[in-house]
Amino acid sequence: MVPEATHGHEEGRRLFVMVWLGLLALTAVEVVLAYVQMFSTEGMLLILMFLSLIKAGLIVGYFMHLRFEKTTLAWSLIPAVTLVIMLLFIFFPDAVRALQLRVPQP
């Protein structure tokens, strides 16, 4: 018979493995999307940012043990997402301009 403490640890370990596998799957989706390039640049950025936000929520919620603290979880993600969006609007026009300056190779 399995003691209660061991049973709880097994469930916790299984949960962390499932979250880790989910993070691994999301990363694989991001890599495949980057190689396939079936979306426009703006669409790709939106999809990758959305997937990264999901991954950040999983990491902060489960590996930093904040999943039961909803306000702390929100306050840890909102400033980071706001900063990324601001940086995107600052640097994205320069990135598009740099792409247009490239000389095509024969």
Protein backbone atom coordinates (compact mmCIF):
# COMPACT_ATOMS: atom_id res chain seq x y z
CA MET A 1 0.00 0.00 0.00
CA VAL A 2 1.27 3.48 -0.94
CA PRO A 3 1.46 6.06 1.88
CA GLU A 4 -0.52 9.28 1.44
CA ALA A 5 2.57 11.49 1.17
CA THR A 6 4.03 9.37 -1.64
CA HIS A 7 0.74 9.42 -3.53
CA GLY A 8 0.63 13.23 -3.42
CA HIS A 9 4.19 13.47 -4.68
CA GLU A 10 3.38 11.16 -7.59
CA GLU A 11 0.46 13.35 -8.65
CA GLY A 12 2.62 16.47 -8.37
CA ARG A 13 5.40 14.88 -10.37
CA ARG A 14 2.94 13.77 -13.07
CA LEU A 15 1.52 17.31 -13.25
CA PHE A 16 4.98 18.84 -13.70
CA VAL A 17 5.87 16.31 -16.39
CA MET A 18 2.61 17.08 -18.24
CA VAL A 19 3.28 20.83 -18.05
CA TRP A 20 6.86 20.26 -19.24
CA LEU A 21 5.61 18.17 -22.16
CA GLY A 22 3.09 20.90 -22.98
CA LEU A 23 5.88 23.49 -23.00
CA LEU A 24 7.95 21.21 -25.21
CA ALA A 25 5.04 20.81 -27.63
CA LEU A 26 4.45 24.58 -27.78
CA THR A 27 8.15 25.12 -28.50
CA ALA A 28 8.00 22.53 -31.28
CA VAL A 29 4.98 24.32 -32.79
CA GLU A 30 6.91 27.62 -32.69
CA VAL A 31 9.92 26.07 -34.42
CA VAL A 32 7.77 24.44 -37.11
CA LEU A 33 5.93 27.72 -37.73
CA ALA A 34 9.25 29.53 -38.11
CA TYR A 35 10.48 27.04 -40.71
CA VAL A 36 7.25 26.68 -42.69
CA GLN A 37 6.61 30.45 -43.03
CA MET A 38 3.00 30.08 -44.14
CA PHE A 39 1.85 33.34 -42.52
CA SER A 40 2.71 36.97 -43.11
CA THR A 41 5.30 38.55 -40.84
CA GLU A 42 2.65 40.32 -38.78
CA GLY A 43 0.57 37.15 -38.46
CA MET A 44 3.63 35.13 -37.48
CA LEU A 45 4.55 37.67 -34.80
CA LEU A 46 1.03 37.60 -33.37
CA ILE A 47 0.96 33.80 -33.27
CA LEU A 48 4.43 33.54 -31.73
CA MET A 49 3.63 36.22 -29.13
CA PHE A 50 0.41 34.42 -28.20
CA LEU A 51 2.21 31.08 -27.85
CA SER A 52 4.97 32.74 -25.81
CA LEU A 53 2.38 34.29 -23.51
CA ILE A 54 0.85 30.86 -22.93
CA LYS A 55 4.29 29.41 -22.21
CA ALA A 56 5.11 32.26 -19.81
CA GLY A 57 1.85 31.68 -17.96
CA LEU A 58 2.55 27.96 -17.63
CA ILE A 59 6.10 28.56 -16.39
CA VAL A 60 5.11 31.22 -13.87
CA GLY A 61 2.02 29.32 -12.77
CA TYR A 62 3.50 25.87 -12.29
CA PHE A 63 7.28 26.12 -11.96
CA MET A 64 7.22 29.33 -9.92
CA HIS A 65 4.22 27.99 -7.94
CA LEU A 66 1.93 30.98 -8.58
CA ARG A 67 -1.02 29.18 -10.16
CA PHE A 68 -3.23 29.73 -7.09
CA GLU A 69 -2.20 33.37 -6.76
CA LYS A 70 -4.09 34.89 -9.68
CA THR A 71 -3.24 38.52 -8.94
CA THR A 72 0.48 37.79 -8.57
CA LEU A 73 0.38 35.78 -11.80
CA ALA A 74 -1.33 38.62 -13.64
CA TRP A 75 1.03 41.23 -12.22
CA SER A 76 4.02 39.18 -13.30
CA LEU A 77 2.78 38.84 -16.90
CA ILE A 78 1.11 42.20 -17.64
CA PRO A 79 4.25 44.40 -17.38
CA ALA A 80 6.29 41.97 -19.48
CA VAL A 81 3.64 41.78 -22.22
CA THR A 82 3.26 45.57 -22.21
CA LEU A 83 7.03 46.01 -22.57
CA VAL A 84 7.21 43.50 -25.43
CA ILE A 85 4.36 45.22 -27.30
CA MET A 86 5.99 48.64 -26.82
CA LEU A 87 9.34 47.31 -28.08
CA LEU A 88 7.59 45.69 -31.02
CA PHE A 89 6.14 49.02 -32.11
CA ILE A 90 9.50 50.73 -31.64
CA PHE A 91 11.71 48.20 -33.45
CA PHE A 92 9.38 46.59 -36.01
CA PRO A 93 9.38 49.56 -38.46
CA ASP A 94 13.19 49.54 -38.45
CA ALA A 95 13.22 45.80 -39.12
CA VAL A 96 10.92 46.24 -42.13
CA ARG A 97 13.08 49.09 -43.42
CA ALA A 98 16.22 46.94 -43.04
CA LEU A 99 14.59 44.16 -45.04
CA GLN A 100 13.83 46.60 -47.85
CA LEU A 101 17.48 47.75 -47.93
CA ARG A 102 18.77 44.27 -48.71
CA VAL A 103 20.15 43.77 -52.17
CA PRO A 104 18.77 40.61 -53.81
CA GLN A 105 21.40 37.97 -54.55
CA PRO A 106 21.52 36.60 -58.11
